[in-house]
Amino acid sequence: MLKLKGLFATLVLLGALFGVGVMTMAAPVNLTFYYPVSVSGPLAQVIDSMVQECNSSHPDIQVSPVFAGGYNDTLLKVQAATMGGTPPDVAILTVH
């Protein structure tokens, strides 16, 4: 009985180690984020701060912010990227 418990504990430990190894070997998810605010404006600083906070608190997810111009410019860039087969993962297109 003691040998069976030791074998079980060893298998559980190996399973846990294998699971952690698989998780740490996975590449992070990269998200492209288009947003329409002035590059030097205060909202750009807010967005950059939020992205940095997100990236540091979620190391397995990395957000890449892309200033895409004004709202109309951003919409056009999203449409062009989508038609080209590489749409952004996240985009702000309008504010209500």
PDB file of N, CA and C in Angstrom:
ATOM      1  N   MET A   1       0.824  -1.193   0.000  1.00  0.00           N
ATOM      2  CA  MET A   1       0.000   0.000   0.000  1.00  0.00           C
ATOM      3  C   MET A   1       0.867   1.256   0.000  1.00  0.00           C
ATOM      4  N   LEU A   2       1.948   1.255   0.770  1.00  0.00           N
ATOM      5  CA  LEU A   2       2.837   2.404   0.831  1.00  0.00           C
ATOM      6  C   LEU A   2       3.500   2.657  -0.515  1.00  0.00           C
ATOM      7  N   LYS A   3       3.879   1.550  -1.223  1.00  0.00           N
ATOM      8  CA  LYS A   3       4.477   1.701  -2.546  1.00  0.00           C
ATOM      9  C   LYS A   3       3.489   2.317  -3.527  1.00  0.00           C
ATOM     10  N   LEU A   4       2.222   1.931  -3.423  1.00  0.00           N
ATOM     11  CA  LEU A   4       1.187   2.470  -4.309  1.00  0.00           C
ATOM     12  C   LEU A   4       1.000   3.965  -4.077  1.00  0.00           C
ATOM     13  N   LYS A   5       1.010   4.386  -2.810  1.00  0.00           N
ATOM     14  CA  LYS A   5       0.889   5.815  -2.496  1.00  0.00           C
ATOM     15  C   LYS A   5       2.092   6.591  -3.019  1.00  0.00           C
ATOM     16  N   GLY A   6       3.295   6.008  -2.878  1.00  0.00           N
ATOM     17  CA  GLY A   6       4.504   6.654  -3.382  1.00  0.00           C
ATOM     18  C   GLY A   6       4.474   6.784  -4.896  1.00  0.00           C
ATOM     19  N   LEU A   7       4.008   5.736  -5.582  1.00  0.00           N
ATOM     20  CA  LEU A   7       3.896   5.773  -7.039  1.00  0.00           C
ATOM     21  C   LEU A   7       2.885   6.834  -7.465  1.00  0.00           C
ATOM     22  N   PHE A   8       1.748   6.878  -6.767  1.00  0.00           N
ATOM     23  CA  PHE A   8       0.722   7.873  -7.076  1.00  0.00           C
ATOM     24  C   PHE A   8       1.266   9.288  -6.885  1.00  0.00           C
ATOM     25  N   ALA A   9       1.965   9.513  -5.771  1.00  0.00           N
ATOM     26  CA  ALA A   9       2.543  10.836  -5.493  1.00  0.00           C
ATOM     27  C   ALA A   9       3.556  11.211  -6.564  1.00  0.00           C
ATOM     28  N   THR A  10       4.351  10.246  -6.991  1.00  0.00           N
ATOM     29  CA  THR A  10       5.340  10.506  -8.045  1.00  0.00           C
ATOM     30  C   THR A  10       4.651  10.863  -9.355  1.00  0.00           C
ATOM     31  N   LEU A  11       3.600  10.133  -9.702  1.00  0.00           N
ATOM     32  CA  LEU A  11       2.862  10.423 -10.941  1.00  0.00           C
ATOM     33  C   LEU A  11       2.203  11.799 -10.891  1.00  0.00           C
ATOM     34  N   VAL A  12       1.638  12.156  -9.758  1.00  0.00           N
ATOM     35  CA  VAL A  12       1.021  13.474  -9.601  1.00  0.00           C
ATOM     36  C   VAL A  12       2.079  14.566  -9.745  1.00  0.00           C
ATOM     37  N   LEU A  13       3.229  14.357  -9.098  1.00  0.00           N
ATOM     38  CA  LEU A  13       4.311  15.334  -9.185  1.00  0.00           C
ATOM     39  C   LEU A  13       4.805  15.481 -10.623  1.00  0.00           C
ATOM     40  N   LEU A  14       4.994  14.377 -11.315  1.00  0.00           N
ATOM     41  CA  LEU A  14       5.434  14.440 -12.719  1.00  0.00           C
ATOM     42  C   LEU A  14       4.385  15.129 -13.594  1.00  0.00           C
ATOM     43  N   GLY A  15       3.120  14.829 -13.333  1.00  0.00           N
ATOM     44  CA  GLY A  15       2.051  15.487 -14.088  1.00  0.00           C
ATOM     45  C   GLY A  15       2.042  16.984 -13.858  1.00  0.00           C
ATOM     46  N   ALA A  16       2.246  17.390 -12.614  1.00  0.00           N
ATOM     47  CA  ALA A  16       2.278  18.821 -12.299  1.00  0.00           C
ATOM     48  C   ALA A  16       3.475  19.485 -12.951  1.00  0.00           C
ATOM     49  N   LEU A  17       4.630  18.834 -12.886  1.00  0.00           N
ATOM     50  CA  LEU A  17       5.824  19.398 -13.513  1.00  0.00           C
ATOM     51  C   LEU A  17       5.673  19.478 -15.017  1.00  0.00           C
ATOM     52  N   PHE A  18       5.100  18.441 -15.624  1.00  0.00           N
ATOM     53  CA  PHE A  18       4.884  18.453 -17.067  1.00  0.00           C
ATOM     54  C   PHE A  18       3.909  19.562 -17.446  1.00  0.00           C
ATOM     55  N   GLY A  19       2.841  19.719 -16.676  1.00  0.00           N
ATOM     56  CA  GLY A  19       1.861  20.767 -16.951  1.00  0.00           C
ATOM     57  C   GLY A  19       2.463  22.150 -16.864  1.00  0.00           C
ATOM     58  N   VAL A  20       3.285  22.404 -15.840  1.00  0.00           N
ATOM     59  CA  VAL A  20       3.947  23.703 -15.697  1.00  0.00           C
ATOM     60  C   VAL A  20       4.916  23.918 -16.838  1.00  0.00           C
ATOM     61  N   GLY A  21       5.647  22.872 -17.223  1.00  0.00           N
ATOM     62  CA  GLY A  21       6.593  22.988 -18.327  1.00  0.00           C
ATOM     63  C   GLY A  21       5.898  23.353 -19.626  1.00  0.00           C
ATOM     64  N   VAL A  22       4.749  22.757 -19.871  1.00  0.00           N
ATOM     65  CA  VAL A  22       3.999  23.065 -21.089  1.00  0.00           C
ATOM     66  C   VAL A  22       3.510  24.508 -21.047  1.00  0.00           C
ATOM     67  N   MET A  23       3.035  24.949 -19.882  1.00  0.00           N
ATOM     68  CA  MET A  23       2.521  26.314 -19.785  1.00  0.00           C
ATOM     69  C   MET A  23       3.626  27.348 -19.959  1.00  0.00           C
ATOM     70  N   THR A  24       4.804  27.106 -19.414  1.00  0.00           N
ATOM     71  CA  THR A  24       5.863  28.094 -19.512  1.00  0.00           C
ATOM     72  C   THR A  24       6.495  28.104 -20.897  1.00  0.00           C
ATOM     73  N   MET A  25       6.338  27.017 -21.655  1.00  0.00           N
ATOM     74  CA  MET A  25       6.917  26.959 -22.980  1.00  0.00           C
ATOM     75  C   MET A  25       6.014  27.626 -24.026  1.00  0.00           C
ATOM     76  N   ALA A  26       4.767  27.843 -23.708  1.00  0.00           N
ATOM     77  CA  ALA A  26       3.839  28.448 -24.654  1.00  0.00           C
ATOM     78  C   ALA A  26       4.211  29.908 -24.895  1.00  0.00           C
ATOM     79  N   ALA A  27       4.108  30.311 -26.128  1.00  0.00           N
ATOM     80  CA  ALA A  27       4.406  31.703 -26.478  1.00  0.00           C
ATOM     81  C   ALA A  27       3.278  32.600 -25.984  1.00  0.00           C
ATOM     82  N   PRO A  28       3.602  33.831 -25.611  1.00  0.00           N
ATOM     83  CA  PRO A  28       2.531  34.736 -25.166  1.00  0.00           C
ATOM     84  C   PRO A  28       1.599  35.090 -26.323  1.00  0.00           C
ATOM     85  N   VAL A  29       0.382  35.411 -25.981  1.00  0.00           N
ATOM     86  CA  VAL A  29      -0.597  35.862 -26.964  1.00  0.00           C
ATOM     87  C   VAL A  29      -0.322  37.340 -27.233  1.00  0.00           C
ATOM     88  N   ASN A  30      -0.190  37.702 -28.482  1.00  0.00           N
ATOM     89  CA  ASN A  30       0.051  39.099 -28.855  1.00  0.00           C
ATOM     90  C   ASN A  30      -1.219  39.693 -29.448  1.00  0.00           C
ATOM     91  N   LEU A  31      -1.651  40.808 -28.895  1.00  0.00           N
ATOM     92  CA  LEU A  31      -2.845  41.504 -29.377  1.00  0.00           C
ATOM     93  C   LEU A  31      -2.465  42.871 -29.925  1.00  0.00           C
ATOM     94  N   THR A  32      -2.926  43.175 -31.122  1.00  0.00           N
ATOM     95  CA  THR A  32      -2.717  44.488 -31.711  1.00  0.00           C
ATOM     96  C   THR A  32      -3.944  45.340 -31.396  1.00  0.00           C
ATOM     97  N   PHE A  33      -3.706  46.535 -30.873  1.00  0.00           N
ATOM     98  CA  PHE A  33      -4.776  47.412 -30.389  1.00  0.00           C
ATOM     99  C   PHE A  33      -4.683  48.759 -31.102  1.00  0.00           C
ATOM    100  N   TYR A  34      -5.626  49.021 -32.027  1.00  0.00           N
ATOM    101  CA  TYR A  34      -5.685  50.310 -32.729  1.00  0.00           C
ATOM    102  C   TYR A  34      -6.522  51.282 -31.895  1.00  0.00           C
ATOM    103  N   TYR A  35      -6.019  52.502 -31.759  1.00  0.00           N
ATOM    104  CA  TYR A  35      -6.802  53.499 -31.020  1.00  0.00           C
ATOM    105  C   TYR A  35      -6.646  54.880 -31.641  1.00  0.00           C
ATOM    106  N   PRO A  36      -7.691  55.703 -31.563  1.00  0.00           N
ATOM    107  CA  PRO A  36      -7.696  57.018 -32.225  1.00  0.00           C
ATOM    108  C   PRO A  36      -7.574  58.195 -31.269  1.00  0.00           C
ATOM    109  N   VAL A  37      -6.407  58.420 -30.725  1.00  0.00           N
ATOM    110  CA  VAL A  37      -6.203  59.620 -29.913  1.00  0.00           C
ATOM    111  C   VAL A  37      -4.895  60.273 -30.325  1.00  0.00           C
ATOM    112  N   SER A  38      -4.759  61.509 -29.981  1.00  0.00           N
ATOM    113  CA  SER A  38      -3.547  62.240 -30.319  1.00  0.00           C
ATOM    114  C   SER A  38      -2.334  61.592 -29.656  1.00  0.00           C
ATOM    115  N   VAL A  39      -1.272  61.393 -30.426  1.00  0.00           N
ATOM    116  CA  VAL A  39      -0.079  60.723 -29.924  1.00  0.00           C
ATOM    117  C   VAL A  39       0.505  61.425 -28.703  1.00  0.00           C
ATOM    118  N   SER A  40       0.505  62.727 -28.715  1.00  0.00           N
ATOM    119  CA  SER A  40       1.112  63.452 -27.593  1.00  0.00           C
ATOM    120  C   SER A  40       0.083  63.921 -26.569  1.00  0.00           C
ATOM    121  N   GLY A  41      -1.179  63.632 -26.797  1.00  0.00           N
ATOM    122  CA  GLY A  41      -2.233  64.086 -25.895  1.00  0.00           C
ATOM    123  C   GLY A  41      -2.292  63.291 -24.612  1.00  0.00           C
ATOM    124  N   PRO A  42      -3.043  63.808 -23.640  1.00  0.00           N
ATOM    125  CA  PRO A  42      -3.134  63.138 -22.340  1.00  0.00           C
ATOM    126  C   PRO A  42      -3.813  61.767 -22.426  1.00  0.00           C
ATOM    127  N   LEU A  43      -4.734  61.577 -23.379  1.00  0.00           N
ATOM    128  CA  LEU A  43      -5.372  60.263 -23.498  1.00  0.00           C
ATOM    129  C   LEU A  43      -4.395  59.195 -23.976  1.00  0.00           C
ATOM    130  N   ALA A  44      -3.428  59.585 -24.796  1.00  0.00           N
ATOM    131  CA  ALA A  44      -2.404  58.635 -25.244  1.00  0.00           C
ATOM    132  C   ALA A  44      -1.594  58.146 -24.042  1.00  0.00           C
ATOM    133  N   GLN A  45      -1.311  59.039 -23.127  1.00  0.00           N
ATOM    134  CA  GLN A  45      -0.566  58.655 -21.925  1.00  0.00           C
ATOM    135  C   GLN A  45      -1.396  57.702 -21.062  1.00  0.00           C
ATOM    136  N   VAL A  46      -2.698  57.950 -20.995  1.00  0.00           N
ATOM    137  CA  VAL A  46      -3.586  57.069 -20.225  1.00  0.00           C
ATOM    138  C   VAL A  46      -3.613  55.678 -20.856  1.00  0.00           C
ATOM    139  N   ILE A  47      -3.769  55.640 -22.174  1.00  0.00           N
ATOM    140  CA  ILE A  47      -3.816  54.345 -22.868  1.00  0.00           C
ATOM    141  C   ILE A  47      -2.488  53.614 -22.718  1.00  0.00           C
ATOM    142  N   ASP A  48      -1.371  54.325 -22.915  1.00  0.00           N
ATOM    143  CA  ASP A  48      -0.062  53.688 -22.745  1.00  0.00           C
ATOM    144  C   ASP A  48       0.110  53.127 -21.336  1.00  0.00           C
ATOM    145  N   SER A  49      -0.344  53.861 -20.345  1.00  0.00           N
ATOM    146  CA  SER A  49      -0.262  53.406 -18.956  1.00  0.00           C
ATOM    147  C   SER A  49      -1.116  52.156 -18.744  1.00  0.00           C
ATOM    148  N   MET A  50      -2.317  52.160 -19.295  1.00  0.00           N
ATOM    149  CA  MET A  50      -3.205  50.997 -19.158  1.00  0.00           C
ATOM    150  C   MET A  50      -2.608  49.776 -19.846  1.00  0.00           C
ATOM    151  N   VAL A  51      -2.017  49.974 -21.015  1.00  0.00           N
ATOM    152  CA  VAL A  51      -1.408  48.861 -21.746  1.00  0.00           C
ATOM    153  C   VAL A  51      -0.212  48.314 -20.964  1.00  0.00           C
ATOM    154  N   GLN A  52       0.622  49.205 -20.416  1.00  0.00           N
ATOM    155  CA  GLN A  52       1.770  48.751 -19.627  1.00  0.00           C
ATOM    156  C   GLN A  52       1.315  47.955 -18.407  1.00  0.00           C
ATOM    157  N   GLU A  53       0.264  48.443 -17.743  1.00  0.00           N
ATOM    158  CA  GLU A  53      -0.262  47.743 -16.570  1.00  0.00           C
ATOM    159  C   GLU A  53      -0.795  46.363 -16.962  1.00  0.00           C
ATOM    160  N   CYS A  54      -1.508  46.299 -18.070  1.00  0.00           N
ATOM    161  CA  CYS A  54      -2.051  45.025 -18.557  1.00  0.00           C
ATOM    162  C   CYS A  54      -0.921  44.062 -18.900  1.00  0.00           C
ATOM    163  N   ASN A  55       0.076  44.551 -19.634  1.00  0.00           N
ATOM    164  CA  ASN A  55       1.189  43.689 -20.041  1.00  0.00           C
ATOM    165  C   ASN A  55       1.976  43.168 -18.846  1.00  0.00           C
ATOM    166  N   SER A  56       2.173  44.007 -17.824  1.00  0.00           N
ATOM    167  CA  SER A  56       2.941  43.533 -16.665  1.00  0.00           C
ATOM    168  C   SER A  56       2.124  42.626 -15.763  1.00  0.00           C
ATOM    169  N   SER A  57       0.819  42.803 -15.708  1.00  0.00           N
ATOM    170  CA  SER A  57       0.018  41.939 -14.843  1.00  0.00           C
ATOM    171  C   SER A  57      -0.418  40.651 -15.537  1.00  0.00           C
ATOM    172  N   HIS A  58      -0.262  40.594 -16.866  1.00  0.00           N
ATOM    173  CA  HIS A  58      -0.609  39.388 -17.637  1.00  0.00           C
ATOM    174  C   HIS A  58       0.539  39.056 -18.583  1.00  0.00           C
ATOM    175  N   PRO A  59       1.600  38.444 -18.069  1.00  0.00           N
ATOM    176  CA  PRO A  59       2.774  38.199 -18.914  1.00  0.00           C
ATOM    177  C   PRO A  59       2.500  37.264 -20.093  1.00  0.00           C
ATOM    178  N   ASP A  60       1.412  36.500 -20.028  1.00  0.00           N
ATOM    179  CA  ASP A  60       1.088  35.598 -21.128  1.00  0.00           C
ATOM    180  C   ASP A  60       0.262  36.276 -22.219  1.00  0.00           C
ATOM    181  N   ILE A  61      -0.078  37.557 -22.004  1.00  0.00           N
ATOM    182  CA  ILE A  61      -0.802  38.350 -22.997  1.00  0.00           C
ATOM    183  C   ILE A  61      -0.056  39.669 -23.172  1.00  0.00           C
ATOM    184  N   GLN A  62       0.333  39.982 -24.387  1.00  0.00           N
ATOM    185  CA  GLN A  62       1.040  41.236 -24.652  1.00  0.00           C
ATOM    186  C   GLN A  62       0.233  42.065 -25.643  1.00  0.00           C
ATOM    187  N   VAL A  63      -0.134  43.268 -25.234  1.00  0.00           N
ATOM    188  CA  VAL A  63      -0.897  44.182 -26.068  1.00  0.00           C
ATOM    189  C   VAL A  63       0.076  45.167 -26.710  1.00  0.00           C
ATOM    190  N   SER A  64      -0.063  45.334 -28.019  1.00  0.00           N
ATOM    191  CA  SER A  64       0.759  46.298 -28.760  1.00  0.00           C
ATOM    192  C   SER A  64      -0.140  47.431 -29.229  1.00  0.00           C
ATOM    193  N   PRO A  65      -0.076  48.597 -28.569  1.00  0.00           N
ATOM    194  CA  PRO A  65      -0.928  49.713 -28.968  1.00  0.00           C
ATOM    195  C   PRO A  65      -0.422  50.344 -30.270  1.00  0.00           C
ATOM    196  N   VAL A  66      -1.361  50.709 -31.135  1.00  0.00           N
ATOM    197  CA  VAL A  66      -1.024  51.347 -32.410  1.00  0.00           C
ATOM    198  C   VAL A  66      -1.899  52.578 -32.563  1.00  0.00           C
ATOM    199  N   PHE A  67      -1.269  53.761 -32.550  1.00  0.00           N
ATOM    200  CA  PHE A  67      -2.016  54.987 -32.830  1.00  0.00           C
ATOM    201  C   PHE A  67      -2.362  54.965 -34.311  1.00  0.00           C
ATOM    202  N   ALA A  68      -3.643  55.087 -34.617  1.00  0.00           N
ATOM    203  CA  ALA A  68      -4.091  54.949 -36.004  1.00  0.00           C
ATOM    204  C   ALA A  68      -4.673  56.240 -36.572  1.00  0.00           C
ATOM    205  N   GLY A  69      -4.464  57.371 -35.936  1.00  0.00           N
ATOM    206  CA  GLY A  69      -5.015  58.633 -36.426  1.00  0.00           C
ATOM    207  C   GLY A  69      -6.297  58.979 -35.705  1.00  0.00           C
ATOM    208  N   GLY A  70      -7.115  59.814 -36.325  1.00  0.00           N
ATOM    209  CA  GLY A  70      -8.417  60.170 -35.762  1.00  0.00           C
ATOM    210  C   GLY A  70      -9.396  59.013 -35.918  1.00  0.00           C
ATOM    211  N   TYR A  71     -10.640  59.224 -35.505  1.00  0.00           N
ATOM    212  CA  TYR A  71     -11.638  58.154 -35.574  1.00  0.00           C
ATOM    213  C   TYR A  71     -11.860  57.667 -37.001  1.00  0.00           C
ATOM    214  N   ASN A  72     -11.995  58.594 -37.954  1.00  0.00           N
ATOM    215  CA  ASN A  72     -12.208  58.187 -39.347  1.00  0.00           C
ATOM    216  C   ASN A  72     -10.992  57.451 -39.898  1.00  0.00           C
ATOM    217  N   ASP A  73      -9.797  57.955 -39.586  1.00  0.00           N
ATOM    218  CA  ASP A  73      -8.567  57.291 -40.032  1.00  0.00           C
ATOM    219  C   ASP A  73      -8.471  55.877 -39.450  1.00  0.00           C
ATOM    220  N   THR A  74      -8.809  55.751 -38.187  1.00  0.00           N
ATOM    221  CA  THR A  74      -8.743  54.438 -37.536  1.00  0.00           C
ATOM    222  C   THR A  74      -9.708  53.467 -38.190  1.00  0.00           C
ATOM    223  N   LEU A  75     -10.921  53.927 -38.463  1.00  0.00           N
ATOM    224  CA  LEU A  75     -11.908  53.072 -39.124  1.00  0.00           C
ATOM    225  C   LEU A  75     -11.393  52.611 -40.485  1.00  0.00           C
ATOM    226  N   LEU A  76     -10.845  53.539 -41.264  1.00  0.00           N
ATOM    227  CA  LEU A  76     -10.303  53.182 -42.579  1.00  0.00           C
ATOM    228  C   LEU A  76      -9.144  52.195 -42.463  1.00  0.00           C
ATOM    229  N   LYS A  77      -8.268  52.390 -41.480  1.00  0.00           N
ATOM    230  CA  LYS A  77      -7.129  51.482 -41.299  1.00  0.00           C
ATOM    231  C   LYS A  77      -7.591  50.093 -40.857  1.00  0.00           C
ATOM    232  N   VAL A  78      -8.601  50.052 -40.013  1.00  0.00           N
ATOM    233  CA  VAL A  78      -9.142  48.749 -39.598  1.00  0.00           C
ATOM    234  C   VAL A  78      -9.757  48.036 -40.796  1.00  0.00           C
ATOM    235  N   GLN A  79     -10.523  48.779 -41.610  1.00  0.00           N
ATOM    236  CA  GLN A  79     -11.131  48.172 -42.797  1.00  0.00           C
ATOM    237  C   GLN A  79     -10.062  47.669 -43.765  1.00  0.00           C
ATOM    238  N   ALA A  80      -9.035  48.476 -44.002  1.00  0.00           N
ATOM    239  CA  ALA A  80      -7.968  48.074 -44.920  1.00  0.00           C
ATOM    240  C   ALA A  80      -7.214  46.854 -44.381  1.00  0.00           C
ATOM    241  N   ALA A  81      -6.914  46.862 -43.093  1.00  0.00           N
ATOM    242  CA  ALA A  81      -6.203  45.724 -42.497  1.00  0.00           C
ATOM    243  C   ALA A  81      -7.057  44.459 -42.560  1.00  0.00           C
ATOM    244  N   THR A  82      -8.355  44.614 -42.327  1.00  0.00           N
ATOM    245  CA  THR A  82      -9.264  43.471 -42.381  1.00  0.00           C
ATOM    246  C   THR A  82      -9.333  42.911 -43.800  1.00  0.00           C
ATOM    247  N   MET A  83      -9.468  43.791 -44.775  1.00  0.00           N
ATOM    248  CA  MET A  83      -9.514  43.339 -46.168  1.00  0.00           C
ATOM    249  C   MET A  83      -8.182  42.707 -46.583  1.00  0.00           C
ATOM    250  N   GLY A  84      -7.089  43.153 -45.988  1.00  0.00           N
ATOM    251  CA  GLY A  84      -5.775  42.600 -46.278  1.00  0.00           C
ATOM    252  C   GLY A  84      -5.476  41.316 -45.522  1.00  0.00           C
ATOM    253  N   GLY A  85      -6.381  40.901 -44.652  1.00  0.00           N
ATOM    254  CA  GLY A  85      -6.209  39.645 -43.932  1.00  0.00           C
ATOM    255  C   GLY A  85      -5.481  39.746 -42.610  1.00  0.00           C
ATOM    256  N   THR A  86      -5.169  40.964 -42.160  1.00  0.00           N
ATOM    257  CA  THR A  86      -4.485  41.132 -40.870  1.00  0.00           C
ATOM    258  C   THR A  86      -5.192  42.191 -40.022  1.00  0.00           C
ATOM    259  N   PRO A  87      -6.436  41.929 -39.639  1.00  0.00           N
ATOM    260  CA  PRO A  87      -7.150  42.923 -38.839  1.00  0.00           C
ATOM    261  C   PRO A  87      -6.546  43.045 -37.447  1.00  0.00           C
ATOM    262  N   PRO A  88      -6.725  44.209 -36.808  1.00  0.00           N
ATOM    263  CA  PRO A  88      -6.271  44.319 -35.419  1.00  0.00           C
ATOM    264  C   PRO A  88      -7.142  43.419 -34.545  1.00  0.00           C
ATOM    265  N   ASP A  89      -6.575  43.005 -33.431  1.00  0.00           N
ATOM    266  CA  ASP A  89      -7.340  42.170 -32.496  1.00  0.00           C
ATOM    267  C   ASP A  89      -8.363  42.996 -31.726  1.00  0.00           C
ATOM    268  N   VAL A  90      -8.006  44.258 -31.452  1.00  0.00           N
ATOM    269  CA  VAL A  90      -8.865  45.165 -30.692  1.00  0.00           C
ATOM    270  C   VAL A  90      -8.764  46.545 -31.331  1.00  0.00           C
ATOM    271  N   ALA A  91      -9.893  47.258 -31.420  1.00  0.00           N
ATOM    272  CA  ALA A  91      -9.869  48.613 -31.970  1.00  0.00           C
ATOM    273  C   ALA A  91     -10.970  49.451 -31.334  1.00  0.00           C
ATOM    274  N   ILE A  92     -10.657  50.704 -31.085  1.00  0.00           N
ATOM    275  CA  ILE A  92     -11.672  51.669 -30.668  1.00  0.00           C
ATOM    276  C   ILE A  92     -12.060  52.417 -31.927  1.00  0.00           C
ATOM    277  N   LEU A  93     -13.346  52.339 -32.286  1.00  0.00           N
ATOM    278  CA  LEU A  93     -13.786  52.949 -33.542  1.00  0.00           C
ATOM    279  C   LEU A  93     -14.697  54.143 -33.343  1.00  0.00           C
ATOM    280  N   THR A  94     -15.372  54.223 -32.208  1.00  0.00           N
ATOM    281  CA  THR A  94     -16.288  55.326 -31.978  1.00  0.00           C
ATOM    282  C   THR A  94     -16.494  55.524 -30.475  1.00  0.00           C
ATOM    283  N   VAL A  95     -16.989  56.684 -30.131  1.00  0.00           N
ATOM    284  CA  VAL A  95     -17.311  56.989 -28.734  1.00  0.00           C
ATOM    285  C   VAL A  95     -18.728  57.515 -28.693  1.00  0.00           C
ATOM    286  N   HIS A  96     -19.498  56.998 -27.752  1.00  0.00           N
ATOM    287  CA  HIS A  96     -20.879  57.487 -27.586  1.00  0.00           C
ATOM    288  C   HIS A  96     -21.081  57.921 -26.170  1.00  0.00           C
TER     289      HIS A  96
END
